[in-house]
C-alpha atoms as a PDB file:
ATOM      1  CA  GLU A   1      12.729   3.305  -2.747  1.00  0.00           C
ATOM      2  CA  THR A   2       9.941   3.525  -5.257  1.00  0.00           C
ATOM      3  CA  PRO A   3       6.428   3.787  -3.810  1.00  0.00           C
ATOM      4  CA  TRP A   4       4.342   1.140  -5.434  1.00  0.00           C
ATOM      5  CA  CYS A   5       1.151   0.927  -3.367  1.00  0.00           C
ATOM      6  CA  GLY A   6      -0.888   2.685  -6.144  1.00  0.00           C
ATOM      7  CA  LEU A   7       0.486   0.255  -8.737  1.00  0.00           C
ATOM      8  CA  PHE A   8      -0.691  -2.714  -6.591  1.00  0.00           C
ATOM      9  CA  VAL A   9      -4.210  -1.218  -6.265  1.00  0.00           C
ATOM     10  CA  ALA A  10      -4.360  -0.542  -9.979  1.00  0.00           C
ATOM     11  CA  HIS A  11      -3.373  -4.132 -10.731  1.00  0.00           C
ATOM     12  CA  CYS A  12      -6.138  -5.456  -8.556  1.00  0.00           C
ATOM     13  CA  ILE A  13      -8.766  -3.014 -10.022  1.00  0.00           C
ATOM     14  CA  GLU A  14      -7.695  -3.822 -13.527  1.00  0.00           C
ATOM     15  CA  ALA A  15      -7.962  -7.576 -12.788  1.00  0.00           C
ATOM     16  CA  ALA A  16     -11.619  -6.876 -11.705  1.00  0.00           C
ATOM     17  CA  GLY A  17     -12.193  -5.248 -15.055  1.00  0.00           C
ATOM     18  CA  LEU A  18     -12.744  -1.741 -13.652  1.00  0.00           C
ATOM     19  CA  PRO A  19     -11.055   1.538 -14.895  1.00  0.00           C
ATOM     20  CA  PHE A  20      -8.489   3.282 -12.585  1.00  0.00           C
ATOM     21  CA  PRO A  21      -7.067   6.781 -12.307  1.00  0.00           C
ATOM     22  CA  LYS A  22      -4.680   7.967 -15.017  1.00  0.00           C
ATOM     23  CA  LEU A  23      -2.200   8.930 -12.294  1.00  0.00           C
ATOM     24  CA  PHE A  24      -2.712   5.692 -10.450  1.00  0.00           C
ATOM     25  CA  PRO A  25       0.880   5.419  -9.017  1.00  0.00           C
ATOM     26  CA  ARG A  26       0.145   8.511  -6.832  1.00  0.00           C
ATOM     27  CA  ALA A  27      -1.637   7.177  -3.728  1.00  0.00           C
ATOM     28  CA  LYS A  28      -3.687  10.314  -3.151  1.00  0.00           C
ATOM     29  CA  GLU A  29      -5.091  10.183  -6.719  1.00  0.00           C
ATOM     30  CA  TRP A  30      -7.175   7.226  -5.513  1.00  0.00           C
ATOM     31  CA  ALA A  31      -9.168   9.580  -3.267  1.00  0.00           C
ATOM     32  CA  LYS A  32     -10.783  10.943  -6.471  1.00  0.00           C
ATOM     33  CA  TRP A  33     -11.738   7.431  -7.674  1.00  0.00           C
ATOM     34  CA  GLY A  34     -15.058   5.689  -6.907  1.00  0.00           C
ATOM     35  CA  LYS A  35     -17.534   7.090  -4.456  1.00  0.00           C
ATOM     36  CA  PRO A  36     -16.731   8.357  -0.903  1.00  0.00           C
ATOM     37  CA  CYS A  37     -18.054   6.030   1.792  1.00  0.00           C
ATOM     38  CA  SER A  38     -17.669   5.250   5.483  1.00  0.00           C
ATOM     39  CA  PRO A  39     -14.919   2.737   6.295  1.00  0.00           C
ATOM     40  CA  THR A  40     -16.254  -0.410   4.727  1.00  0.00           C
ATOM     41  CA  VAL A  41     -14.560  -3.734   4.250  1.00  0.00           C
ATOM     42  CA  GLY A  42     -13.410  -4.000   0.568  1.00  0.00           C
ATOM     43  CA  ALA A  43     -13.211  -0.217   0.116  1.00  0.00           C
ATOM     44  CA  VAL A  44     -10.192   1.453  -1.337  1.00  0.00           C
ATOM     45  CA  ALA A  45      -8.553   3.269   1.668  1.00  0.00           C
ATOM     46  CA  VAL A  46      -6.508   6.302   1.046  1.00  0.00           C
ATOM     47  CA  PHE A  47      -4.233   7.739   3.803  1.00  0.00           C
ATOM     48  CA  GLY A  48      -2.231  10.870   4.072  1.00  0.00           C
ATOM     49  CA  ARG A  49       1.156  10.707   5.843  1.00  0.00           C
ATOM     50  CA  GLN A  50       4.298  12.767   5.989  1.00  0.00           C
ATOM     51  CA  GLY A  51       5.835  12.977   2.563  1.00  0.00           C
ATOM     52  CA  GLY A  52       2.816  11.647   0.594  1.00  0.00           C
ATOM     53  CA  GLY A  53       0.126   9.042   1.016  1.00  0.00           C
ATOM     54  CA  HIS A  54      -0.714   5.420   1.001  1.00  0.00           C
ATOM     55  CA  VAL A  55      -3.587   3.403  -0.684  1.00  0.00           C
ATOM     56  CA  GLY A  56      -4.828  -0.149  -0.108  1.00  0.00           C
ATOM     57  CA  PHE A  57      -7.933  -2.198   0.483  1.00  0.00           C
ATOM     58  CA  LEU A  58      -9.677  -2.077   3.871  1.00  0.00           C
ATOM     59  CA  VAL A  59      -9.954  -5.673   5.131  1.00  0.00           C
ATOM     60  CA  GLY A  60     -10.874  -5.090   8.775  1.00  0.00           C
ATOM     61  CA  GLU A  61     -10.737  -2.881  11.850  1.00  0.00           C
ATOM     62  CA  SER A  62     -10.392  -2.860  15.589  1.00  0.00           C
ATOM     63  CA  PRO A  63     -11.191  -0.072  17.990  1.00  0.00           C
ATOM     64  CA  ALA A  64      -7.752   1.421  17.408  1.00  0.00           C
ATOM     65  CA  ASN A  65      -6.757   0.377  13.930  1.00  0.00           C
ATOM     66  CA  PHE A  66      -7.711  -0.205  10.315  1.00  0.00           C
ATOM     67  CA  TYR A  67      -6.332  -3.333   8.653  1.00  0.00           C
ATOM     68  CA  VAL A  68      -5.292  -2.736   5.056  1.00  0.00           C
ATOM     69  CA  LEU A  69      -4.220  -5.147   2.320  1.00  0.00           C
ATOM     70  CA  GLY A  70      -1.716  -3.232   0.317  1.00  0.00           C
ATOM     71  CA  GLY A  71       1.466  -3.202  -1.570  1.00  0.00           C
ATOM     72  CA  ASN A  72       4.688  -1.571  -0.477  1.00  0.00           C
ATOM     73  CA  GLN A  73       3.879  -2.291   3.114  1.00  0.00           C
ATOM     74  CA  SER A  74       7.352  -3.124   4.472  1.00  0.00           C
ATOM     75  CA  ASN A  75       8.181  -3.541   0.752  1.00  0.00           C
ATOM     76  CA  ALA A  76       5.673  -6.504   0.366  1.00  0.00           C
ATOM     77  CA  VAL A  77       2.024  -7.155  -0.273  1.00  0.00           C
ATOM     78  CA  ASN A  78       0.456  -7.926   3.097  1.00  0.00           C
ATOM     79  CA  ILE A  79      -2.131  -6.836   5.669  1.00  0.00           C
ATOM     80  CA  MET A  80      -0.904  -4.238   8.210  1.00  0.00           C
END
């Protein structure tokens, strides 16, 4: 399966008229983009995981979880 979470984030960032990383398909490249911040709704969230990473937009949180709008989450665009 092709990881496409970085492509989804790049599409959204481009639609907002902002530049994005040259290596945008690589999720962990997004950690170098923008400015670091505490977890904030609307922020680009980058996660490490076994075999690579994941990137999406932070849309909420609970005491135990972050909720992320992203692509390639169960092979769809959704909030997980």
